[in-house]
Amino acid sequence: VFEGITPFVTLYHWVGPQALDDRYGGWLKFEEAIQEFTNYAKLCFESFPFLVQNWITFNEPWVIPVMGYGNGCPWPGHVSNTITGLVSHHIILALALTVKLYREELKEK
């Protein structure tokens, strides 16, 4: 856009807001976590429609459940081998619903 550079924006790069972990356990509560993420994504899509045409939902989505929930680092710092699958599932659903939202409601505007 500026100086011939096309921006690619990543919506989520490993670390989430601490308030979401305090409120919902981060990605542990399906409906709440996904609703918060899709609301955030929609706000970003609507705020930068002419500036950003290329969106990346999650950077290395495996890091969040495996490292953040399995090994305790990075955010949110949980250590449990039993919740990594659940968190992975929630992240995949959030990714899919965000792509669906963008394609159906925002891409053509």
N, C-alpha and C. Protein backbone atom coordinates (compact mmCIF):
# COMPACT_ATOMS: atom_id res chain seq x y z
N VAL A 1 0.84 -1.18 0.00
CA VAL A 1 0.00 0.00 0.00
C VAL A 1 0.88 1.25 0.00
N PHE A 2 1.81 1.32 0.93
CA PHE A 2 2.75 2.42 0.95
C PHE A 2 4.08 1.91 0.40
N GLU A 3 4.66 2.69 -0.49
CA GLU A 3 5.94 2.31 -1.08
C GLU A 3 5.86 0.95 -1.79
N GLY A 4 4.66 0.60 -2.26
CA GLY A 4 4.49 -0.65 -2.98
C GLY A 4 4.49 -1.90 -2.12
N ILE A 5 4.37 -1.73 -0.81
CA ILE A 5 4.38 -2.87 0.11
C ILE A 5 2.94 -3.31 0.38
N THR A 6 2.66 -4.58 0.16
CA THR A 6 1.34 -5.14 0.43
C THR A 6 1.34 -5.73 1.84
N PRO A 7 0.49 -5.21 2.73
CA PRO A 7 0.48 -5.73 4.10
C PRO A 7 -0.22 -7.09 4.23
N PHE A 8 0.35 -7.93 5.04
CA PHE A 8 -0.26 -9.18 5.47
C PHE A 8 -0.36 -9.07 6.99
N VAL A 9 -1.57 -9.17 7.52
CA VAL A 9 -1.78 -8.96 8.96
C VAL A 9 -2.17 -10.27 9.63
N THR A 10 -1.46 -10.60 10.70
CA THR A 10 -1.77 -11.78 11.50
C THR A 10 -2.64 -11.35 12.67
N LEU A 11 -3.80 -11.99 12.82
CA LEU A 11 -4.73 -11.63 13.89
C LEU A 11 -4.28 -12.17 15.25
N TYR A 12 -3.62 -13.31 15.26
CA TYR A 12 -3.25 -13.93 16.54
C TYR A 12 -1.87 -14.55 16.42
N HIS A 13 -0.94 -14.03 17.19
CA HIS A 13 0.43 -14.54 17.18
C HIS A 13 0.80 -15.00 18.58
N TRP A 14 0.29 -16.15 18.96
CA TRP A 14 0.62 -16.87 20.19
C TRP A 14 0.07 -16.29 21.47
N VAL A 15 0.20 -15.01 21.72
CA VAL A 15 -0.16 -14.46 23.03
C VAL A 15 -1.53 -13.79 22.97
N GLY A 16 -2.41 -14.20 23.88
CA GLY A 16 -3.74 -13.61 23.93
C GLY A 16 -3.87 -12.64 25.09
N PRO A 17 -4.98 -11.93 25.14
CA PRO A 17 -5.21 -10.99 26.25
C PRO A 17 -5.38 -11.72 27.58
N GLN A 18 -4.72 -11.25 28.60
CA GLN A 18 -4.82 -11.87 29.92
C GLN A 18 -6.26 -11.87 30.43
N ALA A 19 -7.03 -10.85 30.08
CA ALA A 19 -8.43 -10.78 30.52
C ALA A 19 -9.23 -11.99 30.03
N LEU A 20 -8.92 -12.48 28.84
CA LEU A 20 -9.64 -13.66 28.33
C LEU A 20 -9.26 -14.92 29.09
N ASP A 21 -8.02 -15.03 29.50
CA ASP A 21 -7.63 -16.17 30.31
C ASP A 21 -8.28 -16.08 31.69
N ASP A 22 -8.30 -14.89 32.26
CA ASP A 22 -8.93 -14.71 33.57
C ASP A 22 -10.42 -15.02 33.51
N ARG A 23 -11.07 -14.58 32.45
CA ARG A 23 -12.52 -14.73 32.32
C ARG A 23 -12.94 -16.13 31.88
N TYR A 24 -12.24 -16.69 30.89
CA TYR A 24 -12.69 -17.95 30.26
C TYR A 24 -11.67 -19.08 30.31
N GLY A 25 -10.52 -18.85 30.87
CA GLY A 25 -9.47 -19.85 30.76
C GLY A 25 -8.82 -19.85 29.39
N GLY A 26 -8.85 -18.68 28.74
CA GLY A 26 -8.29 -18.55 27.40
C GLY A 26 -9.14 -19.29 26.38
N TRP A 27 -8.58 -20.32 25.77
CA TRP A 27 -9.28 -21.09 24.73
C TRP A 27 -10.05 -22.28 25.28
N LEU A 28 -10.21 -22.38 26.58
CA LEU A 28 -10.88 -23.54 27.15
C LEU A 28 -12.39 -23.53 26.98
N LYS A 29 -13.01 -22.38 27.04
CA LYS A 29 -14.47 -22.29 26.90
C LYS A 29 -14.80 -21.97 25.45
N PHE A 30 -15.37 -22.94 24.78
CA PHE A 30 -15.60 -22.89 23.34
C PHE A 30 -16.37 -21.66 22.89
N GLU A 31 -17.60 -21.52 23.32
CA GLU A 31 -18.44 -20.45 22.79
C GLU A 31 -17.89 -19.07 23.10
N GLU A 32 -17.44 -18.86 24.30
CA GLU A 32 -16.94 -17.56 24.69
C GLU A 32 -15.66 -17.19 23.95
N ALA A 33 -14.72 -18.11 23.89
CA ALA A 33 -13.44 -17.84 23.23
C ALA A 33 -13.64 -17.57 21.75
N ILE A 34 -14.46 -18.38 21.11
CA ILE A 34 -14.67 -18.21 19.67
C ILE A 34 -15.45 -16.93 19.39
N GLN A 35 -16.42 -16.61 20.21
CA GLN A 35 -17.18 -15.37 20.02
C GLN A 35 -16.27 -14.16 20.17
N GLU A 36 -15.43 -14.17 21.18
CA GLU A 36 -14.49 -13.06 21.39
C GLU A 36 -13.54 -12.92 20.19
N PHE A 37 -13.02 -14.06 19.71
CA PHE A 37 -12.07 -13.99 18.60
C PHE A 37 -12.74 -13.52 17.32
N THR A 38 -13.92 -14.03 17.01
CA THR A 38 -14.59 -13.60 15.77
C THR A 38 -15.03 -12.14 15.87
N ASN A 39 -15.41 -11.67 17.04
CA ASN A 39 -15.73 -10.24 17.21
C ASN A 39 -14.48 -9.39 16.94
N TYR A 40 -13.36 -9.82 17.48
CA TYR A 40 -12.09 -9.13 17.26
C TYR A 40 -11.72 -9.13 15.78
N ALA A 41 -11.84 -10.28 15.13
CA ALA A 41 -11.51 -10.38 13.71
C ALA A 41 -12.41 -9.47 12.88
N LYS A 42 -13.70 -9.48 13.17
CA LYS A 42 -14.64 -8.63 12.43
C LYS A 42 -14.28 -7.15 12.60
N LEU A 43 -13.94 -6.75 13.81
CA LEU A 43 -13.52 -5.37 14.06
C LEU A 43 -12.30 -5.02 13.21
N CYS A 44 -11.33 -5.92 13.15
CA CYS A 44 -10.14 -5.68 12.33
C CYS A 44 -10.50 -5.60 10.86
N PHE A 45 -11.30 -6.53 10.37
CA PHE A 45 -11.70 -6.54 8.96
C PHE A 45 -12.42 -5.25 8.58
N GLU A 46 -13.32 -4.81 9.46
CA GLU A 46 -14.11 -3.61 9.17
C GLU A 46 -13.29 -2.33 9.34
N SER A 47 -12.28 -2.36 10.17
CA SER A 47 -11.48 -1.17 10.42
C SER A 47 -10.45 -0.88 9.33
N PHE A 48 -10.03 -1.90 8.62
CA PHE A 48 -8.96 -1.73 7.62
C PHE A 48 -9.32 -2.34 6.26
N PRO A 49 -10.53 -2.08 5.74
CA PRO A 49 -10.94 -2.77 4.51
C PRO A 49 -10.14 -2.40 3.27
N PHE A 50 -9.65 -1.19 3.20
CA PHE A 50 -8.91 -0.76 2.01
C PHE A 50 -7.41 -0.88 2.19
N LEU A 51 -6.98 -0.96 3.42
CA LEU A 51 -5.55 -1.03 3.71
C LEU A 51 -5.04 -2.48 3.69
N VAL A 52 -5.87 -3.40 4.21
CA VAL A 52 -5.44 -4.79 4.34
C VAL A 52 -6.37 -5.70 3.54
N GLN A 53 -5.81 -6.44 2.63
CA GLN A 53 -6.57 -7.41 1.85
C GLN A 53 -6.14 -8.84 2.16
N ASN A 54 -5.07 -9.00 2.89
CA ASN A 54 -4.49 -10.31 3.18
C ASN A 54 -4.42 -10.52 4.69
N TRP A 55 -5.23 -11.44 5.17
CA TRP A 55 -5.32 -11.70 6.60
C TRP A 55 -4.83 -13.12 6.91
N ILE A 56 -4.12 -13.26 7.99
CA ILE A 56 -3.69 -14.56 8.51
C ILE A 56 -4.37 -14.70 9.86
N THR A 57 -5.16 -15.76 10.04
CA THR A 57 -5.91 -15.89 11.29
C THR A 57 -4.99 -16.18 12.48
N PHE A 58 -4.23 -17.26 12.39
CA PHE A 58 -3.34 -17.66 13.49
C PHE A 58 -1.95 -17.93 12.95
N ASN A 59 -0.94 -17.41 13.62
CA ASN A 59 0.43 -17.78 13.31
C ASN A 59 0.75 -19.07 14.06
N GLU A 60 1.17 -20.08 13.35
CA GLU A 60 1.52 -21.37 13.94
C GLU A 60 0.52 -21.79 15.03
N PRO A 61 -0.70 -22.14 14.62
CA PRO A 61 -1.74 -22.44 15.61
C PRO A 61 -1.41 -23.60 16.55
N TRP A 62 -0.48 -24.45 16.19
CA TRP A 62 -0.11 -25.57 17.07
C TRP A 62 0.58 -25.09 18.34
N VAL A 63 1.23 -23.92 18.29
CA VAL A 63 1.98 -23.43 19.44
C VAL A 63 1.06 -23.17 20.64
N ILE A 64 -0.12 -22.65 20.38
CA ILE A 64 -1.02 -22.26 21.47
C ILE A 64 -1.39 -23.47 22.33
N PRO A 65 -1.95 -24.56 21.75
CA PRO A 65 -2.31 -25.69 22.61
C PRO A 65 -1.10 -26.47 23.14
N VAL A 66 -0.12 -26.72 22.28
CA VAL A 66 1.00 -27.57 22.69
C VAL A 66 1.91 -26.87 23.69
N MET A 67 2.26 -25.63 23.39
CA MET A 67 3.18 -24.92 24.27
C MET A 67 2.44 -24.17 25.38
N GLY A 68 1.43 -23.38 25.02
CA GLY A 68 0.74 -22.54 26.00
C GLY A 68 -0.12 -23.30 26.99
N TYR A 69 -0.63 -24.48 26.56
CA TYR A 69 -1.48 -25.27 27.45
C TYR A 69 -0.84 -26.59 27.87
N GLY A 70 0.13 -27.06 27.11
CA GLY A 70 0.79 -28.31 27.45
C GLY A 70 2.07 -28.12 28.23
N ASN A 71 2.89 -27.16 27.78
CA ASN A 71 4.19 -26.93 28.41
C ASN A 71 4.23 -25.71 29.32
N GLY A 72 3.23 -24.86 29.23
CA GLY A 72 3.16 -23.71 30.11
C GLY A 72 3.83 -22.44 29.62
N CYS A 73 4.35 -22.45 28.41
CA CYS A 73 4.99 -21.25 27.88
C CYS A 73 4.87 -21.28 26.36
N PRO A 74 4.40 -20.30 25.66
CA PRO A 74 4.02 -18.96 26.10
C PRO A 74 2.62 -18.93 26.70
N TRP A 75 1.99 -17.76 26.61
CA TRP A 75 0.66 -17.53 27.17
C TRP A 75 -0.27 -18.67 26.80
N PRO A 76 -1.13 -19.10 27.67
CA PRO A 76 -1.46 -18.54 28.98
C PRO A 76 -0.71 -19.19 30.14
N GLY A 77 0.16 -20.13 29.85
CA GLY A 77 0.99 -20.69 30.91
C GLY A 77 0.38 -21.86 31.66
N HIS A 78 -0.58 -22.55 31.07
CA HIS A 78 -1.16 -23.74 31.71
C HIS A 78 -0.27 -24.95 31.42
N VAL A 79 -0.26 -25.90 32.32
CA VAL A 79 0.50 -27.13 32.11
C VAL A 79 -0.45 -28.31 32.31
N SER A 80 -0.89 -28.89 31.20
CA SER A 80 -1.80 -30.03 31.25
C SER A 80 -1.77 -30.75 29.91
N ASN A 81 -1.55 -32.04 29.94
CA ASN A 81 -1.58 -32.81 28.70
C ASN A 81 -2.99 -33.19 28.29
N THR A 82 -3.95 -33.01 29.18
CA THR A 82 -5.32 -33.44 28.87
C THR A 82 -6.13 -32.39 28.13
N ILE A 83 -5.72 -31.14 28.13
CA ILE A 83 -6.54 -30.10 27.50
C ILE A 83 -6.01 -29.63 26.15
N THR A 84 -4.86 -30.13 25.73
CA THR A 84 -4.30 -29.65 24.47
C THR A 84 -5.18 -29.99 23.27
N GLY A 85 -5.80 -31.16 23.28
CA GLY A 85 -6.70 -31.53 22.19
C GLY A 85 -7.93 -30.65 22.14
N LEU A 86 -8.48 -30.34 23.30
CA LEU A 86 -9.65 -29.47 23.38
C LEU A 86 -9.32 -28.07 22.87
N VAL A 87 -8.21 -27.53 23.30
CA VAL A 87 -7.79 -26.21 22.85
C VAL A 87 -7.51 -26.21 21.34
N SER A 88 -6.88 -27.27 20.85
CA SER A 88 -6.63 -27.38 19.40
C SER A 88 -7.94 -27.34 18.63
N HIS A 89 -8.91 -28.08 19.10
CA HIS A 89 -10.23 -28.12 18.46
C HIS A 89 -10.86 -26.73 18.44
N HIS A 90 -10.81 -26.02 19.54
CA HIS A 90 -11.40 -24.68 19.62
C HIS A 90 -10.69 -23.71 18.68
N ILE A 91 -9.39 -23.81 18.56
CA ILE A 91 -8.65 -22.93 17.67
C ILE A 91 -8.98 -23.22 16.21
N ILE A 92 -9.09 -24.50 15.86
CA ILE A 92 -9.46 -24.86 14.49
C ILE A 92 -10.86 -24.33 14.17
N LEU A 93 -11.78 -24.46 15.10
CA LEU A 93 -13.13 -23.92 14.87
C LEU A 93 -13.11 -22.40 14.75
N ALA A 94 -12.34 -21.74 15.58
CA ALA A 94 -12.24 -20.27 15.49
C ALA A 94 -11.66 -19.86 14.15
N LEU A 95 -10.65 -20.57 13.69
CA LEU A 95 -10.06 -20.29 12.39
C LEU A 95 -11.11 -20.45 11.29
N ALA A 96 -11.82 -21.56 11.31
CA ALA A 96 -12.83 -21.83 10.27
C ALA A 96 -13.95 -20.80 10.30
N LEU A 97 -14.44 -20.45 11.47
CA LEU A 97 -15.53 -19.48 11.57
C LEU A 97 -15.08 -18.08 11.17
N THR A 98 -13.84 -17.75 11.43
CA THR A 98 -13.32 -16.45 11.02
C THR A 98 -13.19 -16.36 9.51
N VAL A 99 -12.71 -17.41 8.89
CA VAL A 99 -12.62 -17.44 7.42
C VAL A 99 -14.02 -17.36 6.81
N LYS A 100 -14.96 -18.09 7.38
CA LYS A 100 -16.35 -18.05 6.91
C LYS A 100 -16.92 -16.64 7.03
N LEU A 101 -16.71 -16.00 8.16
CA LEU A 101 -17.17 -14.63 8.38
C LEU A 101 -16.60 -13.70 7.32
N TYR A 102 -15.32 -13.79 7.10
CA TYR A 102 -14.68 -12.91 6.12
C TYR A 102 -15.23 -13.14 4.72
N ARG A 103 -15.34 -14.38 4.33
CA ARG A 103 -15.82 -14.70 2.98
C ARG A 103 -17.27 -14.31 2.76
N GLU A 104 -18.12 -14.55 3.74
CA GLU A 104 -19.55 -14.33 3.56
C GLU A 104 -19.99 -12.89 3.81
N GLU A 105 -19.35 -12.21 4.72
CA GLU A 105 -19.86 -10.90 5.12
C GLU A 105 -18.98 -9.72 4.71
N LEU A 106 -17.70 -9.96 4.53
CA LEU A 106 -16.82 -8.80 4.42
C LEU A 106 -15.97 -8.73 3.16
N LYS A 107 -15.63 -9.84 2.57
CA LYS A 107 -14.67 -9.82 1.47
C LYS A 107 -15.13 -8.98 0.30
N GLU A 108 -16.40 -9.02 -0.04
CA GLU A 108 -16.90 -8.32 -1.22
C GLU A 108 -17.17 -6.84 -0.99
N LYS A 109 -17.12 -6.39 0.25
CA LYS A 109 -17.44 -4.98 0.54
C LYS A 109 -16.30 -4.06 0.22
